[in-house]
PDB file of N, CA and C in Angstrom:
ATOM      1  N   MET A   1       9.318  51.640 -41.402  1.00  0.00           N
ATOM      2  CA  MET A   1      10.776  50.830 -41.644  1.00  0.00           C
ATOM      3  C   MET A   1      10.324  49.479 -41.914  1.00  0.00           C
ATOM      4  N   SER A   2       9.871  48.931 -43.071  1.00  0.00           N
ATOM      5  CA  SER A   2       9.736  47.781 -43.139  1.00  0.00           C
ATOM      6  C   SER A   2      10.689  47.018 -43.699  1.00  0.00           C
ATOM      7  N   THR A   3      10.763  45.641 -43.105  1.00  0.00           N
ATOM      8  CA  THR A   3      11.654  44.686 -43.254  1.00  0.00           C
ATOM      9  C   THR A   3      11.074  43.562 -44.041  1.00  0.00           C
ATOM     10  N   GLY A   4      10.079  43.498 -44.237  1.00  0.00           N
ATOM     11  CA  GLY A   4       9.598  42.232 -44.693  1.00  0.00           C
ATOM     12  C   GLY A   4       9.218  41.021 -43.635  1.00  0.00           C
ATOM     13  N   THR A   5       9.661  41.393 -42.207  1.00  0.00           N
ATOM     14  CA  THR A   5       9.410  40.473 -41.473  1.00  0.00           C
ATOM     15  C   THR A   5       8.386  40.602 -40.777  1.00  0.00           C
ATOM     16  N   THR A   6       7.410  39.541 -40.044  1.00  0.00           N
ATOM     17  CA  THR A   6       6.362  39.634 -39.270  1.00  0.00           C
ATOM     18  C   THR A   6       6.345  40.521 -37.945  1.00  0.00           C
ATOM     19  N   SER A   7       5.511  41.215 -37.415  1.00  0.00           N
ATOM     20  CA  SER A   7       5.964  42.110 -36.249  1.00  0.00           C
ATOM     21  C   SER A   7       6.530  41.343 -34.981  1.00  0.00           C
ATOM     22  N   GLN A   8       6.877  42.256 -34.370  1.00  0.00           N
ATOM     23  CA  GLN A   8       7.941  41.543 -33.018  1.00  0.00           C
ATOM     24  C   GLN A   8       6.689  40.935 -32.156  1.00  0.00           C
ATOM     25  N   PRO A   9       6.834  39.467 -31.629  1.00  0.00           N
ATOM     26  CA  PRO A   9       5.830  39.037 -30.751  1.00  0.00           C
ATOM     27  C   PRO A   9       6.201  39.868 -29.401  1.00  0.00           C
ATOM     28  N   ARG A  10       4.989  39.697 -28.483  1.00  0.00           N
ATOM     29  CA  ARG A  10       4.814  40.275 -27.424  1.00  0.00           C
ATOM     30  C   ARG A  10       5.285  39.254 -26.302  1.00  0.00           C
ATOM     31  N   VAL A  11       6.579  39.410 -25.755  1.00  0.00           N
ATOM     32  CA  VAL A  11       7.091  38.233 -24.587  1.00  0.00           C
ATOM     33  C   VAL A  11       7.283  38.599 -23.371  1.00  0.00           C
ATOM     34  N   ILE A  12       6.997  38.064 -22.543  1.00  0.00           N
ATOM     35  CA  ILE A  12       6.986  38.502 -21.193  1.00  0.00           C
ATOM     36  C   ILE A  12       7.612  37.255 -20.315  1.00  0.00           C
ATOM     37  N   VAL A  13       8.796  37.464 -19.923  1.00  0.00           N
ATOM     38  CA  VAL A  13       9.240  36.213 -18.960  1.00  0.00           C
ATOM     39  C   VAL A  13       9.268  36.736 -17.229  1.00  0.00           C
ATOM     40  N   PHE A  14       8.724  35.685 -16.921  1.00  0.00           N
ATOM     41  CA  PHE A  14       8.568  36.071 -15.322  1.00  0.00           C
ATOM     42  C   PHE A  14       9.528  35.002 -14.990  1.00  0.00           C
ATOM     43  N   SER A  15      10.346  35.748 -14.197  1.00  0.00           N
ATOM     44  CA  SER A  15      11.701  35.069 -13.585  1.00  0.00           C
ATOM     45  C   SER A  15      12.292  35.563 -12.404  1.00  0.00           C
ATOM     46  N   THR A  16      13.156  35.003 -11.686  1.00  0.00           N
ATOM     47  CA  THR A  16      13.930  35.149 -10.508  1.00  0.00           C
ATOM     48  C   THR A  16      15.292  35.494 -10.770  1.00  0.00           C
ATOM     49  N   PRO A  17      15.987  36.470 -10.469  1.00  0.00           N
ATOM     50  CA  PRO A  17      17.581  36.682 -10.714  1.00  0.00           C
ATOM     51  C   PRO A  17      18.264  35.325 -10.690  1.00  0.00           C
ATOM     52  N   ASN A  18      17.856  34.500  -9.338  1.00  0.00           N
ATOM     53  CA  ASN A  18      19.082  33.254  -9.173  1.00  0.00           C
ATOM     54  C   ASN A  18      18.419  32.083  -9.771  1.00  0.00           C
ATOM     55  N   CYS A  19      17.624  31.951 -10.663  1.00  0.00           N
ATOM     56  CA  CYS A  19      17.112  30.686 -11.421  1.00  0.00           C
ATOM     57  C   CYS A  19      17.899  30.424 -12.774  1.00  0.00           C
ATOM     58  N   PRO A  20      18.763  29.263 -12.746  1.00  0.00           N
ATOM     59  CA  PRO A  20      19.444  29.137 -13.830  1.00  0.00           C
ATOM     60  C   PRO A  20      18.570  28.976 -15.331  1.00  0.00           C
ATOM     61  N   PHE A  21      17.393  28.347 -15.010  1.00  0.00           N
ATOM     62  CA  PHE A  21      16.556  27.970 -16.268  1.00  0.00           C
ATOM     63  C   PHE A  21      15.876  29.520 -16.773  1.00  0.00           C
ATOM     64  N   CYS A  22      15.802  30.337 -15.631  1.00  0.00           N
ATOM     65  CA  CYS A  22      15.179  31.635 -16.407  1.00  0.00           C
ATOM     66  C   CYS A  22      16.328  32.484 -16.994  1.00  0.00           C
ATOM     67  N   ASN A  23      17.592  32.283 -16.423  1.00  0.00           N
ATOM     68  CA  ASN A  23      18.749  32.927 -16.922  1.00  0.00           C
ATOM     69  C   ASN A  23      18.990  32.313 -18.616  1.00  0.00           C
ATOM     70  N   MET A  24      19.038  30.942 -18.748  1.00  0.00           N
ATOM     71  CA  MET A  24      18.903  30.361 -19.776  1.00  0.00           C
ATOM     72  C   MET A  24      18.037  30.822 -20.788  1.00  0.00           C
ATOM     73  N   ALA A  25      16.708  30.945 -20.370  1.00  0.00           N
ATOM     74  CA  ALA A  25      15.762  31.233 -21.243  1.00  0.00           C
ATOM     75  C   ALA A  25      15.998  32.528 -21.926  1.00  0.00           C
ATOM     76  N   LYS A  26      16.180  33.555 -21.092  1.00  0.00           N
ATOM     77  CA  LYS A  26      16.411  34.766 -21.456  1.00  0.00           C
ATOM     78  C   LYS A  26      17.823  35.080 -22.216  1.00  0.00           C
ATOM     79  N   ARG A  27      18.676  34.406 -22.109  1.00  0.00           N
ATOM     80  CA  ARG A  27      19.790  34.220 -23.151  1.00  0.00           C
ATOM     81  C   ARG A  27      19.549  33.887 -24.271  1.00  0.00           C
ATOM     82  N   TYR A  28      18.744  32.918 -24.221  1.00  0.00           N
ATOM     83  CA  TYR A  28      18.383  32.310 -25.768  1.00  0.00           C
ATOM     84  C   TYR A  28      17.460  32.956 -26.355  1.00  0.00           C
ATOM     85  N   LEU A  29      16.676  33.772 -25.606  1.00  0.00           N
ATOM     86  CA  LEU A  29      15.901  34.891 -26.593  1.00  0.00           C
ATOM     87  C   LEU A  29      16.664  36.361 -27.058  1.00  0.00           C
ATOM     88  N   ARG A  30      17.408  36.393 -26.097  1.00  0.00           N
ATOM     89  CA  ARG A  30      18.366  37.495 -26.600  1.00  0.00           C
ATOM     90  C   ARG A  30      19.362  37.195 -27.773  1.00  0.00           C
ATOM     91  N   GLU A  31      19.727  35.866 -27.648  1.00  0.00           N
ATOM     92  CA  GLU A  31      20.703  35.471 -28.956  1.00  0.00           C
ATOM     93  C   GLU A  31      19.877  35.337 -30.004  1.00  0.00           C
ATOM     94  N   ARG A  32      18.815  35.299 -30.092  1.00  0.00           N
ATOM     95  CA  ARG A  32      17.642  35.021 -31.130  1.00  0.00           C
ATOM     96  C   ARG A  32      17.294  36.394 -31.590  1.00  0.00           C
ATOM     97  N   GLY A  33      17.477  37.711 -30.936  1.00  0.00           N
ATOM     98  CA  GLY A  33      17.134  38.809 -31.333  1.00  0.00           C
ATOM     99  C   GLY A  33      15.770  39.199 -30.907  1.00  0.00           C
ATOM    100  N   ILE A  34      15.234  38.526 -29.879  1.00  0.00           N
ATOM    101  CA  ILE A  34      13.530  38.556 -29.469  1.00  0.00           C
ATOM    102  C   ILE A  34      13.638  39.631 -28.237  1.00  0.00           C
ATOM    103  N   LYS A  35      12.697  40.728 -28.500  1.00  0.00           N
ATOM    104  CA  LYS A  35      12.861  41.728 -27.499  1.00  0.00           C
ATOM    105  C   LYS A  35      11.620  40.623 -26.466  1.00  0.00           C
ATOM    106  N   PHE A  36      12.117  41.209 -25.222  1.00  0.00           N
ATOM    107  CA  PHE A  36      10.977  40.630 -24.201  1.00  0.00           C
ATOM    108  C   PHE A  36      11.026  41.528 -22.969  1.00  0.00           C
ATOM    109  N   ARG A  37       9.888  41.369 -22.045  1.00  0.00           N
ATOM    110  CA  ARG A  37      10.085  42.309 -20.884  1.00  0.00           C
ATOM    111  C   ARG A  37      10.201  41.154 -19.624  1.00  0.00           C
ATOM    112  N   ASP A  38      11.208  41.558 -18.852  1.00  0.00           N
ATOM    113  CA  ASP A  38      11.728  40.563 -17.533  1.00  0.00           C
ATOM    114  C   ASP A  38      10.865  40.954 -16.546  1.00  0.00           C
ATOM    115  N   VAL A  39      10.164  40.071 -15.888  1.00  0.00           N
ATOM    116  CA  VAL A  39       9.332  40.706 -14.690  1.00  0.00           C
ATOM    117  C   VAL A  39       9.896  39.581 -13.744  1.00  0.00           C
ATOM    118  N   ASP A  40      10.276  40.176 -12.642  1.00  0.00           N
ATOM    119  CA  ASP A  40      10.954  39.622 -11.420  1.00  0.00           C
ATOM    120  C   ASP A  40      10.231  39.482 -10.326  1.00  0.00           C
ATOM    121  N   VAL A  41       9.575  38.245 -10.246  1.00  0.00           N
ATOM    122  CA  VAL A  41       8.310  37.746  -9.463  1.00  0.00           C
ATOM    123  C   VAL A  41       8.712  37.919  -7.837  1.00  0.00           C
ATOM    124  N   SER A  42      10.350  37.786  -7.553  1.00  0.00           N
ATOM    125  CA  SER A  42      10.808  37.749  -6.527  1.00  0.00           C
ATOM    126  C   SER A  42      10.481  39.011  -5.725  1.00  0.00           C
ATOM    127  N   ARG A  43      10.618  40.190  -6.464  1.00  0.00           N
ATOM    128  CA  ARG A  43      10.440  41.421  -6.109  1.00  0.00           C
ATOM    129  C   ARG A  43       9.026  42.277  -6.172  1.00  0.00           C
ATOM    130  N   ASP A  44       7.959  41.467  -7.107  1.00  0.00           N
ATOM    131  CA  ASP A  44       6.840  42.182  -6.969  1.00  0.00           C
ATOM    132  C   ASP A  44       5.587  41.106  -7.001  1.00  0.00           C
ATOM    133  N   ALA A  45       5.353  41.144  -5.615  1.00  0.00           N
ATOM    134  CA  ALA A  45       4.125  40.276  -5.328  1.00  0.00           C
ATOM    135  C   ALA A  45       2.837  40.055  -6.299  1.00  0.00           C
ATOM    136  N   ALA A  46       2.390  41.349  -6.767  1.00  0.00           N
ATOM    137  CA  ALA A  46       1.278  41.449  -7.767  1.00  0.00           C
ATOM    138  C   ALA A  46       1.641  40.770  -9.297  1.00  0.00           C
ATOM    139  N   ALA A  47       3.049  40.892  -9.499  1.00  0.00           N
ATOM    140  CA  ALA A  47       3.251  40.222 -10.817  1.00  0.00           C
ATOM    141  C   ALA A  47       3.348  38.973 -10.314  1.00  0.00           C
ATOM    142  N   ALA A  48       3.755  38.218  -9.301  1.00  0.00           N
ATOM    143  CA  ALA A  48       3.761  36.762  -9.212  1.00  0.00           C
ATOM    144  C   ALA A  48       2.495  36.172  -9.063  1.00  0.00           C
ATOM    145  N   ARG A  49       1.314  36.771  -8.119  1.00  0.00           N
ATOM    146  CA  ARG A  49      -0.081  36.481  -8.641  1.00  0.00           C
ATOM    147  C   ARG A  49      -0.525  36.503 -10.185  1.00  0.00           C
ATOM    148  N   ASP A  50       0.072  37.414 -10.897  1.00  0.00           N
ATOM    149  CA  ASP A  50      -0.438  37.447 -12.291  1.00  0.00           C
ATOM    150  C   ASP A  50       0.126  36.338 -13.000  1.00  0.00           C
ATOM    151  N   MET A  51       1.534  35.672 -12.442  1.00  0.00           N
ATOM    152  CA  MET A  51       2.092  34.726 -13.384  1.00  0.00           C
ATOM    153  C   MET A  51       1.144  33.252 -13.133  1.00  0.00           C
ATOM    154  N   VAL A  52       0.968  33.399 -11.719  1.00  0.00           N
ATOM    155  CA  VAL A  52      -0.030  32.082 -11.401  1.00  0.00           C
ATOM    156  C   VAL A  52      -1.272  32.081 -11.933  1.00  0.00           C
ATOM    157  N   ARG A  53      -1.945  33.226 -12.137  1.00  0.00           N
ATOM    158  CA  ARG A  53      -2.884  33.370 -12.661  1.00  0.00           C
ATOM    159  C   ARG A  53      -3.011  33.043 -14.187  1.00  0.00           C
ATOM    160  N   ARG A  54      -1.920  33.383 -15.102  1.00  0.00           N
ATOM    161  CA  ARG A  54      -1.851  33.006 -16.345  1.00  0.00           C
ATOM    162  C   ARG A  54      -1.625  31.547 -16.476  1.00  0.00           C
ATOM    163  N   SER A  55      -0.486  30.929 -15.745  1.00  0.00           N
ATOM    164  CA  SER A  55       0.026  29.933 -15.858  1.00  0.00           C
ATOM    165  C   SER A  55      -0.725  28.422 -14.812  1.00  0.00           C
ATOM    166  N   GLY A  56      -1.135  28.974 -13.877  1.00  0.00           N
ATOM    167  CA  GLY A  56      -1.533  27.862 -12.685  1.00  0.00           C
ATOM    168  C   GLY A  56      -0.161  27.368 -12.132  1.00  0.00           C
ATOM    169  N   GLN A  57       0.870  28.108 -12.334  1.00  0.00           N
ATOM    170  CA  GLN A  57       2.284  27.596 -11.914  1.00  0.00           C
ATOM    171  C   GLN A  57       3.195  28.702 -11.042  1.00  0.00           C
ATOM    172  N   GLN A  58       3.436  28.089  -9.890  1.00  0.00           N
ATOM    173  CA  GLN A  58       4.371  28.993  -8.884  1.00  0.00           C
ATOM    174  C   GLN A  58       5.834  29.018  -9.272  1.00  0.00           C
ATOM    175  N   GLY A  59       6.231  28.134 -10.243  1.00  0.00           N
ATOM    176  CA  GLY A  59       7.631  28.000 -10.477  1.00  0.00           C
ATOM    177  C   GLY A  59       8.006  28.711 -11.705  1.00  0.00           C
ATOM    178  N   VAL A  60       9.178  29.252 -11.653  1.00  0.00           N
ATOM    179  CA  VAL A  60       9.534  30.011 -12.707  1.00  0.00           C
ATOM    180  C   VAL A  60      10.708  29.272 -13.645  1.00  0.00           C
ATOM    181  N   PRO A  61      11.037  29.590 -15.053  1.00  0.00           N
ATOM    182  CA  PRO A  61      10.457  30.794 -15.560  1.00  0.00           C
ATOM    183  C   PRO A  61       9.221  30.443 -16.047  1.00  0.00           C
ATOM    184  N   VAL A  62       8.212  31.626 -16.148  1.00  0.00           N
ATOM    185  CA  VAL A  62       6.811  31.376 -17.044  1.00  0.00           C
ATOM    186  C   VAL A  62       6.916  32.395 -18.089  1.00  0.00           C
ATOM    187  N   ILE A  63       6.813  31.886 -19.532  1.00  0.00           N
ATOM    188  CA  ILE A  63       7.101  32.596 -20.425  1.00  0.00           C
ATOM    189  C   ILE A  63       5.769  32.882 -21.514  1.00  0.00           C
ATOM    190  N   ASP A  64       5.445  34.379 -21.282  1.00  0.00           N
ATOM    191  CA  ASP A  64       4.099  34.538 -22.025  1.00  0.00           C
ATOM    192  C   ASP A  64       4.471  35.121 -23.591  1.00  0.00           C
ATOM    193  N   ILE A  65       4.060  34.189 -24.538  1.00  0.00           N
ATOM    194  CA  ILE A  65       4.568  34.822 -25.958  1.00  0.00           C
ATOM    195  C   ILE A  65       3.218  34.769 -26.743  1.00  0.00           C
ATOM    196  N   ASN A  66       2.817  36.130 -26.966  1.00  0.00           N
ATOM    197  CA  ASN A  66       1.497  36.379 -27.518  1.00  0.00           C
ATOM    198  C   ASN A  66       0.469  35.797 -26.773  1.00  0.00           C
ATOM    199  N   GLY A  67       0.326  35.634 -25.290  1.00  0.00           N
ATOM    200  CA  GLY A  67      -0.979  35.287 -24.626  1.00  0.00           C
ATOM    201  C   GLY A  67      -0.720  33.877 -24.435  1.00  0.00           C
ATOM    202  N   LYS A  68       0.447  33.188 -25.376  1.00  0.00           N
ATOM    203  CA  LYS A  68       0.418  31.500 -24.942  1.00  0.00           C
ATOM    204  C   LYS A  68       1.367  31.372 -23.913  1.00  0.00           C
ATOM    205  N   ILE A  69       1.196  30.446 -22.979  1.00  0.00           N
ATOM    206  CA  ILE A  69       2.133  30.251 -21.929  1.00  0.00           C
ATOM    207  C   ILE A  69       2.946  29.013 -22.214  1.00  0.00           C
ATOM    208  N   VAL A  70       4.322  29.431 -21.771  1.00  0.00           N
ATOM    209  CA  VAL A  70       5.215  28.220 -21.633  1.00  0.00           C
ATOM    210  C   VAL A  70       5.858  28.179 -20.154  1.00  0.00           C
ATOM    211  N   VAL A  71       5.333  27.288 -19.691  1.00  0.00           N
ATOM    212  CA  VAL A  71       6.157  26.908 -18.476  1.00  0.00           C
ATOM    213  C   VAL A  71       7.757  26.068 -18.236  1.00  0.00           C
ATOM    214  N   GLY A  72       8.476  26.915 -17.806  1.00  0.00           N
ATOM    215  CA  GLY A  72       9.931  26.219 -17.884  1.00  0.00           C
ATOM    216  C   GLY A  72      10.369  26.689 -19.115  1.00  0.00           C
ATOM    217  N   PHE A  73      11.763  26.240 -19.451  1.00  0.00           N
ATOM    218  CA  PHE A  73      12.514  26.433 -20.606  1.00  0.00           C
ATOM    219  C   PHE A  73      12.352  25.564 -21.419  1.00  0.00           C
ATOM    220  N   ASP A  74      11.208  25.481 -22.381  1.00  0.00           N
ATOM    221  CA  ASP A  74      10.955  24.621 -23.128  1.00  0.00           C
ATOM    222  C   ASP A  74      11.296  24.807 -24.318  1.00  0.00           C
ATOM    223  N   ARG A  75      12.397  24.622 -25.014  1.00  0.00           N
ATOM    224  CA  ARG A  75      12.709  25.364 -26.072  1.00  0.00           C
ATOM    225  C   ARG A  75      12.037  25.058 -27.537  1.00  0.00           C
ATOM    226  N   PRO A  76      11.680  23.741 -27.624  1.00  0.00           N
ATOM    227  CA  PRO A  76      10.985  23.609 -28.704  1.00  0.00           C
ATOM    228  C   PRO A  76       9.626  24.147 -28.661  1.00  0.00           C
ATOM    229  N   LYS A  77       8.935  24.532 -27.687  1.00  0.00           N
ATOM    230  CA  LYS A  77       7.558  25.180 -27.554  1.00  0.00           C
ATOM    231  C   LYS A  77       7.832  26.594 -27.824  1.00  0.00           C
ATOM    232  N   ILE A  78       9.049  27.161 -27.198  1.00  0.00           N
ATOM    233  CA  ILE A  78       8.964  28.485 -27.718  1.00  0.00           C
ATOM    234  C   ILE A  78       9.511  28.602 -28.885  1.00  0.00           C
ATOM    235  N   ASP A  79      10.497  27.807 -29.564  1.00  0.00           N
ATOM    236  CA  ASP A  79      10.753  27.999 -31.057  1.00  0.00           C
ATOM    237  C   ASP A  79       9.310  27.873 -31.840  1.00  0.00           C
ATOM    238  N   ARG A  80       8.565  27.044 -31.493  1.00  0.00           N
ATOM    239  CA  ARG A  80       7.463  27.060 -32.215  1.00  0.00           C
ATOM    240  C   ARG A  80       6.350  28.232 -32.285  1.00  0.00           C
ATOM    241  N   LEU A  81       6.303  28.517 -30.984  1.00  0.00           N
ATOM    242  CA  LEU A  81       5.488  30.029 -30.569  1.00  0.00           C
ATOM    243  C   LEU A  81       5.986  30.952 -31.299  1.00  0.00           C
ATOM    244  N   LEU A  82       7.334  31.180 -31.298  1.00  0.00           N
ATOM    245  CA  LEU A  82       8.145  32.386 -31.976  1.00  0.00           C
ATOM    246  C   LEU A  82       8.219  32.100 -33.406  1.00  0.00           C
ATOM    247  N   GLY A  83       7.716  30.813 -34.120  1.00  0.00           N
ATOM    248  CA  GLY A  83       8.059  30.703 -35.371  1.00  0.00           C
ATOM    249  C   GLY A  83       9.427  30.607 -35.843  1.00  0.00           C
ATOM    250  N   LEU A  84      10.555  30.114 -34.790  1.00  0.00           N
ATOM    251  CA  LEU A  84      11.738  29.877 -35.260  1.00  0.00           C
ATOM    252  C   LEU A  84      12.026  28.436 -35.596  1.00  0.00           C
ATOM    253  N   LYS A  85      12.801  28.315 -36.416  1.00  0.00           N
ATOM    254  CA  LYS A  85      13.466  26.781 -36.721  1.00  0.00           C
ATOM    255  C   LYS A  85      14.559  26.606 -36.005  1.00  0.00           C
TER     256      LYS A  85
END
């Protein structure tokens, strides 16, 4: 099934359920048709440690786009890493 587009990026969103910026980031990705894995660091201590190891940050959201880290809901950086306009 070739659509002529590039392959789907690998996106992981480290978040917590009650974080407004996490929810905005996830909604933004959904609206643009970007599939992502949502990791709730409030329920998974190992995932929280992994997030800190990747980003150096304890705050959420942390978004991993093909191995590049975005801390917070930084829309311009997210767009750049995803190749969106």
